[in-house]
Amino acid sequence: MYHHVKQLMYTVRIGTPDPRFGNMLLEQFGGANGELAAAMQYSIQGWNCDDPARKDLLMDIGTEELSHLEVVGTLARMHLKPLKTKHDAAHADPLIAIAGGGGVNLYNSMGDPWTADYLKITGELDVDLRSNIAAEARAKIVYERLIDFCEDPDSIDALKFLMTREITHMKAFTAALKSLGLPPFSIGRIPPTPELVSQYFDDSTGVGNKGESDFRGPWNSGGDWEVVEAPAFRELESEAAGTRAAGGDGQPERQPAASSTSRRSGTRKSA
């Protein structure tokens, strides 16, 4: 059950409205990395979660994201207010001025409508927590960029509050993932193929126009890594049918065609 309290989580104030910046703020209202997407993603993950402790975490943060949506929406609306009455501002952004009446709506800064395709919900708790950590990181970067293009100190204060909460949520999701006690690469139920999982395919080879070359690092060397050089140019061999056999299509070897015959009325007749 949700209950709306008529008070913002963070009190929003602005100096001089900036409709262009208000448009930018819509990215965090109805954009792919915005607060609405986060609120829906975490809440639906929570409704699907059978783990009562982690469900409580998801519902807590999902509900907080709704409060962040209200903060962003209020801030955007204050900056967009001139579109209601000033011709120059309205002409610069007719989508918001005419279609939206100078307020916020469920679209991003480019006018693209919000979509549930933004959500990452798998029903696997560890996979969803990883998605949430990445979502918070992307949102944090968006807030940084908004701050870079904002000239209003009061708006910057609100954005810094929201940006900081993204890191708080990253910490909580990371701790929840770690508390599951799963090996870092144990995803799902079916184990990977042992001889294949540690092969690093060196698929970008040669020297580039600017002198780019191959590099080695902990992502492809040391430990149990095996580098497979330029696999596209290697002869592919396998003793097992149905795999990547050289010159094959992954199907069992076809037998030569028999002599042309036809079957009629249970008899065989040579062509």
Protein backbone atom coordinates (compact mmCIF):
# COMPACT_ATOMS: atom_id res chain seq x y z
CA MET A 1 0.00 0.00 0.00
CA TYR A 2 1.31 3.43 -0.92
CA HIS A 3 0.64 6.65 0.96
CA HIS A 4 1.53 10.06 -0.39
CA VAL A 5 2.82 12.62 2.08
CA LYS A 6 2.48 16.22 0.86
CA GLN A 7 6.11 17.01 1.43
CA LEU A 8 9.11 16.45 -0.83
CA MET A 9 11.95 14.24 0.35
CA TYR A 10 14.21 17.15 -0.56
CA THR A 11 12.89 20.73 -0.59
CA VAL A 12 13.32 22.19 -4.07
CA ARG A 13 14.11 25.84 -4.70
CA ILE A 14 15.35 27.58 -7.84
CA GLY A 15 16.50 31.04 -8.79
CA THR A 16 15.81 32.03 -12.39
CA PRO A 17 13.87 29.40 -14.37
CA ASP A 18 15.77 27.91 -17.32
CA PRO A 19 13.39 26.07 -19.70
CA ARG A 20 16.26 24.54 -21.64
CA PHE A 21 17.63 23.01 -18.46
CA GLY A 22 14.12 21.93 -17.51
CA ASN A 23 14.03 19.95 -20.73
CA MET A 24 17.32 18.28 -19.81
CA LEU A 25 15.86 17.29 -16.44
CA LEU A 26 13.20 15.25 -18.23
CA GLU A 27 15.95 12.70 -18.92
CA GLN A 28 15.83 11.81 -15.23
CA PHE A 29 12.05 11.85 -15.19
CA GLY A 30 11.05 9.69 -18.15
CA GLY A 31 14.39 8.58 -19.59
CA ALA A 32 16.06 5.18 -19.74
CA ASN A 33 18.15 5.85 -16.62
CA GLY A 34 15.59 8.03 -14.85
CA GLU A 35 13.74 7.77 -11.59
CA LEU A 36 10.52 6.32 -13.00
CA ALA A 37 12.42 3.45 -14.60
CA ALA A 38 14.27 2.79 -11.34
CA ALA A 39 11.09 2.90 -9.27
CA MET A 40 9.30 0.46 -11.56
CA GLN A 41 12.29 -1.86 -11.93
CA TYR A 42 13.00 -2.27 -8.22
CA SER A 43 9.34 -2.43 -7.19
CA ILE A 44 8.44 -5.13 -9.71
CA GLN A 45 11.57 -7.08 -8.80
CA GLY A 46 10.40 -6.81 -5.19
CA TRP A 47 6.91 -8.06 -5.98
CA ASN A 48 8.49 -11.07 -7.70
CA CYS A 49 11.02 -11.76 -4.93
CA ASP A 50 10.54 -14.82 -2.68
CA ASP A 51 13.33 -13.76 -0.33
CA PRO A 52 11.60 -11.64 2.36
CA ALA A 53 14.76 -9.78 3.42
CA ARG A 54 15.85 -8.78 -0.10
CA LYS A 55 12.23 -8.07 -1.03
CA ASP A 56 12.14 -5.51 1.78
CA LEU A 57 15.32 -3.93 0.36
CA LEU A 58 13.87 -3.73 -3.15
CA MET A 59 10.59 -2.25 -1.95
CA ASP A 60 12.35 0.31 0.26
CA ILE A 61 14.53 1.57 -2.57
CA GLY A 62 11.80 1.30 -5.20
CA THR A 63 9.56 3.49 -3.05
CA GLU A 64 12.36 5.99 -2.46
CA GLU A 65 12.83 6.24 -6.23
CA LEU A 66 9.19 7.32 -6.51
CA SER A 67 9.98 10.14 -4.09
CA HIS A 68 12.98 11.05 -6.24
CA LEU A 69 10.68 11.15 -9.26
CA GLU A 70 8.56 13.70 -7.42
CA VAL A 71 11.64 15.81 -6.65
CA VAL A 72 12.85 15.71 -10.26
CA GLY A 73 9.36 16.41 -11.59
CA THR A 74 8.93 19.39 -9.28
CA LEU A 75 12.34 20.77 -10.20
CA ALA A 76 11.69 20.31 -13.92
CA ARG A 77 8.26 21.91 -13.71
CA MET A 78 9.69 24.98 -11.97
CA HIS A 79 12.27 25.41 -14.72
CA LEU A 80 9.70 24.80 -17.47
CA LYS A 81 7.18 27.30 -16.07
CA PRO A 82 8.02 30.06 -18.61
CA LEU A 83 6.72 27.79 -21.38
CA LYS A 84 3.21 28.41 -20.07
CA THR A 85 3.24 32.15 -20.80
CA LYS A 86 6.35 33.28 -22.69
CA HIS A 87 6.25 32.99 -26.47
CA ASP A 88 9.99 32.72 -27.03
CA ALA A 89 10.32 29.85 -24.55
CA ALA A 90 7.26 28.06 -25.96
CA HIS A 91 8.48 28.40 -29.55
CA ALA A 92 11.79 26.84 -28.53
CA ASP A 93 10.07 23.73 -27.18
CA PRO A 94 6.58 23.22 -28.64
CA LEU A 95 6.37 19.60 -27.47
CA ILE A 96 6.38 20.63 -23.83
CA ALA A 97 4.57 23.93 -24.32
CA ILE A 98 1.72 22.66 -26.50
CA ALA A 99 1.42 18.92 -25.95
CA GLY A 100 2.47 19.01 -22.30
CA GLY A 101 1.10 22.38 -21.23
CA GLY A 102 4.47 23.46 -19.90
CA GLY A 103 4.75 20.58 -17.44
CA VAL A 104 6.38 17.18 -17.17
CA ASN A 105 5.20 14.07 -18.93
CA LEU A 106 6.40 10.53 -19.48
CA TYR A 107 9.04 11.25 -22.06
CA ASN A 108 12.74 11.96 -22.01
CA SER A 109 14.68 15.09 -22.97
CA MET A 110 14.34 14.23 -26.67
CA GLY A 111 10.58 13.73 -26.49
CA ASP A 112 10.77 9.94 -26.74
CA PRO A 113 7.98 8.27 -24.71
CA TRP A 114 8.80 6.24 -21.63
CA THR A 115 8.70 2.49 -22.25
CA ALA A 116 8.80 -0.64 -20.11
CA ASP A 117 11.64 -1.79 -22.37
CA TYR A 118 13.87 0.30 -20.09
CA LEU A 119 13.32 -2.20 -17.27
CA LYS A 120 15.67 -5.08 -16.49
CA ILE A 121 13.68 -7.75 -14.66
CA THR A 122 14.71 -11.40 -14.90
CA GLY A 123 13.22 -13.00 -11.76
CA GLU A 124 16.72 -14.18 -10.77
CA LEU A 125 17.62 -12.22 -7.64
CA ASP A 126 21.40 -12.11 -8.14
CA VAL A 127 21.06 -11.12 -11.80
CA ASP A 128 18.53 -8.41 -10.95
CA LEU A 129 20.78 -7.02 -8.21
CA ARG A 130 23.64 -6.75 -10.71
CA SER A 131 21.34 -4.89 -13.09
CA ASN A 132 20.35 -2.53 -10.28
CA ILE A 133 23.96 -1.73 -9.42
CA ALA A 134 24.58 -0.83 -13.06
CA ALA A 135 21.35 1.21 -13.22
CA GLU A 136 22.41 3.30 -10.22
CA ALA A 137 25.84 3.89 -11.77
CA ARG A 138 24.27 5.13 -15.01
CA ALA A 139 21.87 7.41 -13.14
CA LYS A 140 24.76 8.86 -11.13
CA ILE A 141 26.56 9.79 -14.36
CA VAL A 142 23.41 11.46 -15.75
CA TYR A 143 23.13 13.57 -12.60
CA GLU A 144 26.79 14.59 -12.94
CA ARG A 145 26.16 15.76 -16.49
CA LEU A 146 23.05 17.67 -15.45
CA ILE A 147 25.10 19.42 -12.75
CA ASP A 148 27.72 20.34 -15.35
CA PHE A 149 25.09 22.15 -17.43
CA CYS A 150 23.22 23.77 -14.54
CA GLU A 151 23.85 27.39 -13.53
CA ASP A 152 21.39 27.57 -10.64
CA PRO A 153 23.00 26.84 -7.21
CA ASP A 154 19.73 25.70 -5.60
CA SER A 155 19.05 23.26 -8.44
CA ILE A 156 22.62 21.95 -8.13
CA ASP A 157 22.07 21.27 -4.43
CA ALA A 158 18.99 19.17 -5.21
CA LEU A 159 20.82 17.30 -7.96
CA LYS A 160 23.75 16.56 -5.64
CA PHE A 161 21.33 15.09 -3.10
CA LEU A 162 19.81 12.81 -5.74
CA MET A 163 23.22 11.90 -7.15
CA THR A 164 24.49 10.91 -3.71
CA ARG A 165 21.49 8.66 -3.09
CA GLU A 166 22.44 6.72 -6.24
CA ILE A 167 25.71 5.75 -4.55
CA THR A 168 23.83 4.83 -1.36
CA HIS A 169 21.66 2.46 -3.37
CA MET A 170 24.69 0.99 -5.13
CA LYS A 171 26.19 0.21 -1.72
CA ALA A 172 22.97 -1.44 -0.53
CA PHE A 173 22.51 -3.54 -3.68
CA THR A 174 26.18 -4.58 -3.64
CA ALA A 175 25.96 -5.65 0.00
CA ALA A 176 22.76 -7.61 -0.73
CA LEU A 177 24.41 -9.37 -3.66
CA LYS A 178 27.46 -10.25 -1.57
CA SER A 179 25.27 -11.51 1.26
CA LEU A 180 23.83 -14.20 -1.01
CA GLY A 181 27.19 -15.99 -0.72
CA LEU A 182 27.28 -17.00 -4.38
CA PRO A 183 30.49 -17.39 -6.38
CA PRO A 184 30.88 -14.27 -8.55
CA PHE A 185 30.30 -16.09 -11.83
CA SER A 186 27.69 -18.57 -10.66
CA ILE A 187 24.72 -17.45 -12.74
CA GLY A 188 21.63 -19.64 -12.96
CA ARG A 189 21.57 -23.41 -12.51
CA ILE A 190 23.42 -24.81 -15.53
CA PRO A 191 27.23 -24.71 -15.20
CA PRO A 192 29.32 -23.44 -18.13
CA THR A 193 31.42 -25.77 -20.30
CA PRO A 194 34.70 -26.10 -18.33
CA GLU A 195 37.13 -26.13 -21.28
CA LEU A 196 35.41 -23.15 -22.91
CA VAL A 197 34.59 -20.79 -20.06
CA SER A 198 38.19 -19.60 -19.55
CA GLN A 199 39.07 -19.19 -23.22
CA TYR A 200 39.59 -15.57 -24.22
CA PHE A 201 38.96 -15.11 -27.94
CA ASP A 202 41.41 -12.54 -29.35
CA ASP A 203 39.00 -11.35 -32.05
CA SER A 204 40.51 -7.90 -32.61
CA THR A 205 43.97 -8.38 -34.10
CA GLY A 206 46.59 -6.56 -36.14
CA VAL A 207 47.74 -2.96 -35.85
CA GLY A 208 45.20 -0.15 -36.22
CA ASN A 209 45.52 3.09 -38.16
CA LYS A 210 46.58 4.89 -34.99
CA GLY A 211 48.97 2.19 -33.85
CA GLU A 212 46.47 0.29 -31.75
CA SER A 213 47.67 -3.19 -30.92
CA ASP A 214 46.69 -6.18 -28.81
CA PHE A 215 46.84 -5.80 -25.06
CA ARG A 216 47.05 -8.20 -22.18
CA GLY A 217 45.59 -7.60 -18.75
CA PRO A 218 43.84 -9.47 -15.94
CA TRP A 219 40.82 -9.81 -18.24
CA ASN A 220 42.72 -12.13 -20.61
CA SER A 221 45.95 -13.30 -18.93
CA GLY A 222 47.06 -14.94 -15.69
CA GLY A 223 45.02 -17.31 -13.61
CA ASP A 224 43.19 -19.89 -15.71
CA TRP A 225 42.89 -17.75 -18.84
CA GLU A 226 43.75 -19.31 -22.19
CA VAL A 227 44.11 -16.87 -25.09
CA VAL A 228 42.78 -18.17 -28.39
CA GLU A 229 44.52 -16.16 -31.10
CA ALA A 230 42.36 -14.96 -34.02
CA PRO A 231 39.78 -17.76 -33.78
CA ALA A 232 38.15 -16.69 -37.06
CA PHE A 233 41.29 -17.82 -38.94
CA ARG A 234 41.79 -21.09 -37.12
CA GLU A 235 40.67 -24.41 -38.50
CA LEU A 236 37.74 -25.54 -36.39
CA GLU A 237 37.90 -29.20 -35.52
CA SER A 238 35.71 -31.36 -33.34
CA GLU A 239 35.25 -35.06 -32.86
CA ALA A 240 31.70 -34.49 -31.67
CA ALA A 241 28.85 -34.39 -34.12
CA GLY A 242 26.72 -31.29 -34.13
CA THR A 243 29.52 -28.90 -33.15
CA ARG A 244 31.71 -26.46 -35.06
CA ALA A 245 33.32 -28.96 -37.43
CA ALA A 246 35.51 -27.57 -40.23
CA GLY A 247 33.45 -26.92 -43.34
CA GLY A 248 30.32 -28.17 -41.67
CA ASP A 249 27.06 -26.57 -40.71
CA GLY A 250 26.69 -28.15 -37.31
CA GLN A 251 24.63 -31.04 -38.71
CA PRO A 252 25.55 -34.74 -38.79
CA GLU A 253 27.41 -35.86 -41.90
CA ARG A 254 25.01 -36.59 -44.73
CA GLN A 255 25.16 -39.97 -46.43
CA PRO A 256 25.60 -40.15 -50.22
CA ALA A 257 22.33 -40.26 -52.08
CA ALA A 258 21.18 -43.72 -53.14
CA SER A 259 20.47 -44.57 -56.78
CA SER A 260 17.40 -42.86 -58.04
CA THR A 261 14.36 -45.02 -57.31
CA SER A 262 10.69 -44.51 -56.90
CA ARG A 263 8.30 -46.34 -54.61
CA ARG A 264 4.96 -47.26 -56.03
CA SER A 265 2.51 -49.81 -54.74
CA GLY A 266 5.12 -51.28 -52.45
CA THR A 267 7.56 -52.06 -55.26
CA ARG A 268 10.90 -50.51 -56.17
CA LYS A 269 11.50 -49.46 -59.74
CA SER A 270 14.77 -48.20 -61.15
CA ALA A 271 14.64 -44.82 -62.87
